């Protein structure tokens, strides 16, 4: 049985530039960077818990802030996004054959 994925939007406000870089690097392993401090992620429960633990270890609780927004089951959620300014490319789930 395949693990079910959920769609998440993760945003963060990190006070220190070094911690900000570490959080950004960590997030690259979990989702797609949308803009500045915003990522879209498709994660199983296990990967979501792993991501939260990794992020928690990188931040300073008294200075930094991270929001993890659960949008629902990834296979049935189609986010409605209004984009102004630069072109926005929707993230599509595609199989890659190697």
C-alpha atoms as a PDB file:
ATOM      1  CA  UNK A   1       0.000   0.000   0.000  1.00  0.00           C
ATOM      2  CA  UNK A   2       1.336   3.412  -0.998  1.00  0.00           C
ATOM      3  CA  UNK A   3       1.595   6.062   1.706  1.00  0.00           C
ATOM      4  CA  UNK A   4      -0.831   8.934   1.210  1.00  0.00           C
ATOM      5  CA  UNK A   5       0.582  12.393   0.692  1.00  0.00           C
ATOM      6  CA  UNK A   6      -0.900  15.652   1.877  1.00  0.00           C
ATOM      7  CA  UNK A   7      -0.266  19.080   0.414  1.00  0.00           C
ATOM      8  CA  UNK A   8       1.370  21.659   2.678  1.00  0.00           C
ATOM      9  CA  UNK A   9       2.375  25.287   2.374  1.00  0.00           C
ATOM     10  CA  UNK A  10       5.296  26.124   4.662  1.00  0.00           C
ATOM     11  CA  UNK A  11       6.218  29.730   5.403  1.00  0.00           C
ATOM     12  CA  UNK A  12       8.848  31.042   7.739  1.00  0.00           C
ATOM     13  CA  UNK A  13      10.186  34.239   9.271  1.00  0.00           C
ATOM     14  CA  UNK A  14      13.734  33.660  10.541  1.00  0.00           C
ATOM     15  CA  UNK A  15      15.511  36.490  12.385  1.00  0.00           C
ATOM     16  CA  UNK A  16      19.144  35.451  11.803  1.00  0.00           C
ATOM     17  CA  UNK A  17      20.607  35.202   8.247  1.00  0.00           C
ATOM     18  CA  UNK A  18      22.616  32.052   9.094  1.00  0.00           C
ATOM     19  CA  UNK A  19      19.560  30.276  10.484  1.00  0.00           C
ATOM     20  CA  UNK A  20      17.545  31.503   7.490  1.00  0.00           C
ATOM     21  CA  UNK A  21      20.016  29.841   5.099  1.00  0.00           C
ATOM     22  CA  UNK A  22      19.910  26.602   7.111  1.00  0.00           C
ATOM     23  CA  UNK A  23      16.105  26.548   7.113  1.00  0.00           C
ATOM     24  CA  UNK A  24      16.030  27.242   3.355  1.00  0.00           C
ATOM     25  CA  UNK A  25      18.509  24.396   2.682  1.00  0.00           C
ATOM     26  CA  UNK A  26      16.461  22.050   4.871  1.00  0.00           C
ATOM     27  CA  UNK A  27      13.229  22.967   3.064  1.00  0.00           C
ATOM     28  CA  UNK A  28      14.753  22.268  -0.361  1.00  0.00           C
ATOM     29  CA  UNK A  29      14.736  18.598   0.618  1.00  0.00           C
ATOM     30  CA  UNK A  30      11.004  18.568   1.355  1.00  0.00           C
ATOM     31  CA  UNK A  31       9.287  20.702  -1.237  1.00  0.00           C
ATOM     32  CA  UNK A  32       9.396  23.231  -4.018  1.00  0.00           C
ATOM     33  CA  UNK A  33      10.386  26.816  -3.371  1.00  0.00           C
ATOM     34  CA  UNK A  34       7.610  29.198  -4.453  1.00  0.00           C
ATOM     35  CA  UNK A  35       8.996  32.557  -3.362  1.00  0.00           C
ATOM     36  CA  UNK A  36      11.146  34.062  -0.615  1.00  0.00           C
ATOM     37  CA  UNK A  37      10.181  32.105   2.499  1.00  0.00           C
ATOM     38  CA  UNK A  38       7.380  29.974   1.023  1.00  0.00           C
ATOM     39  CA  UNK A  39       7.494  26.302   0.002  1.00  0.00           C
ATOM     40  CA  UNK A  40       4.860  23.907  -1.325  1.00  0.00           C
ATOM     41  CA  UNK A  41       5.341  20.324  -0.148  1.00  0.00           C
ATOM     42  CA  UNK A  42       3.707  16.949  -0.860  1.00  0.00           C
ATOM     43  CA  UNK A  43       4.485  14.821   2.171  1.00  0.00           C
ATOM     44  CA  UNK A  44       3.500  11.591   3.852  1.00  0.00           C
ATOM     45  CA  UNK A  45       2.830  11.770   7.604  1.00  0.00           C
ATOM     46  CA  UNK A  46       6.299  10.388   8.225  1.00  0.00           C
ATOM     47  CA  UNK A  47       8.053  12.967   5.994  1.00  0.00           C
ATOM     48  CA  UNK A  48       5.977  15.785   7.518  1.00  0.00           C
ATOM     49  CA  UNK A  49       7.068  14.764  11.029  1.00  0.00           C
ATOM     50  CA  UNK A  50      10.676  14.478   9.831  1.00  0.00           C
ATOM     51  CA  UNK A  51      10.495  17.962   8.285  1.00  0.00           C
ATOM     52  CA  UNK A  52       8.971  19.506  11.419  1.00  0.00           C
ATOM     53  CA  UNK A  53      11.669  17.949  13.591  1.00  0.00           C
ATOM     54  CA  UNK A  54      14.419  19.180  11.292  1.00  0.00           C
ATOM     55  CA  UNK A  55      12.989  22.708  11.212  1.00  0.00           C
ATOM     56  CA  UNK A  56      12.529  22.794  14.963  1.00  0.00           C
ATOM     57  CA  UNK A  57      16.197  21.916  15.436  1.00  0.00           C
ATOM     58  CA  UNK A  58      17.274  24.796  13.149  1.00  0.00           C
ATOM     59  CA  UNK A  59      15.294  27.684  14.658  1.00  0.00           C
ATOM     60  CA  UNK A  60      15.522  29.768  17.789  1.00  0.00           C
ATOM     61  CA  UNK A  61      12.105  29.473  19.461  1.00  0.00           C
ATOM     62  CA  UNK A  62      12.133  33.002  20.904  1.00  0.00           C
ATOM     63  CA  UNK A  63      13.033  34.756  17.614  1.00  0.00           C
ATOM     64  CA  UNK A  64      11.815  32.685  14.655  1.00  0.00           C
ATOM     65  CA  UNK A  65       8.420  31.595  13.362  1.00  0.00           C
ATOM     66  CA  UNK A  66       7.332  28.799  10.998  1.00  0.00           C
ATOM     67  CA  UNK A  67       3.815  28.052   9.743  1.00  0.00           C
ATOM     68  CA  UNK A  68       2.916  24.649   8.265  1.00  0.00           C
ATOM     69  CA  UNK A  69      -0.478  24.841   6.540  1.00  0.00           C
ATOM     70  CA  UNK A  70      -2.169  21.531   5.707  1.00  0.00           C
ATOM     71  CA  UNK A  71      -4.278  21.931   2.546  1.00  0.00           C
ATOM     72  CA  UNK A  72      -5.525  18.341   2.494  1.00  0.00           C
ATOM     73  CA  UNK A  73      -4.953  15.145   0.513  1.00  0.00           C
ATOM     74  CA  UNK A  74      -2.458  15.931  -2.262  1.00  0.00           C
ATOM     75  CA  UNK A  75      -4.246  13.880  -4.915  1.00  0.00           C
ATOM     76  CA  UNK A  76      -7.529  15.764  -4.494  1.00  0.00           C
ATOM     77  CA  UNK A  77      -6.394  19.321  -3.708  1.00  0.00           C
ATOM     78  CA  UNK A  78      -6.077  21.852  -6.503  1.00  0.00           C
ATOM     79  CA  UNK A  79      -4.935  25.120  -4.908  1.00  0.00           C
ATOM     80  CA  UNK A  80      -6.473  28.242  -6.388  1.00  0.00           C
ATOM     81  CA  UNK A  81      -3.624  30.711  -6.741  1.00  0.00           C
ATOM     82  CA  UNK A  82      -3.855  34.301  -7.917  1.00  0.00           C
ATOM     83  CA  UNK A  83      -0.508  35.605  -9.115  1.00  0.00           C
ATOM     84  CA  UNK A  84       0.373  39.234  -9.812  1.00  0.00           C
ATOM     85  CA  UNK A  85       3.592  40.455 -11.348  1.00  0.00           C
ATOM     86  CA  UNK A  86       6.104  37.819 -12.420  1.00  0.00           C
ATOM     87  CA  UNK A  87       4.923  34.625 -14.079  1.00  0.00           C
ATOM     88  CA  UNK A  88       3.913  31.860 -11.679  1.00  0.00           C
ATOM     89  CA  UNK A  89       4.311  28.214 -12.708  1.00  0.00           C
ATOM     90  CA  UNK A  90       1.920  25.774 -11.079  1.00  0.00           C
ATOM     91  CA  UNK A  91       3.558  22.742  -9.511  1.00  0.00           C
ATOM     92  CA  UNK A  92       2.493  19.566 -11.227  1.00  0.00           C
ATOM     93  CA  UNK A  93       3.119  16.047  -9.992  1.00  0.00           C
ATOM     94  CA  UNK A  94       4.945  14.197 -12.759  1.00  0.00           C
ATOM     95  CA  UNK A  95       6.703  10.875 -12.878  1.00  0.00           C
ATOM     96  CA  UNK A  96      10.372  11.011 -13.882  1.00  0.00           C
ATOM     97  CA  UNK A  97      11.805   7.943 -15.585  1.00  0.00           C
ATOM     98  CA  UNK A  98      15.533   7.486 -15.100  1.00  0.00           C
END
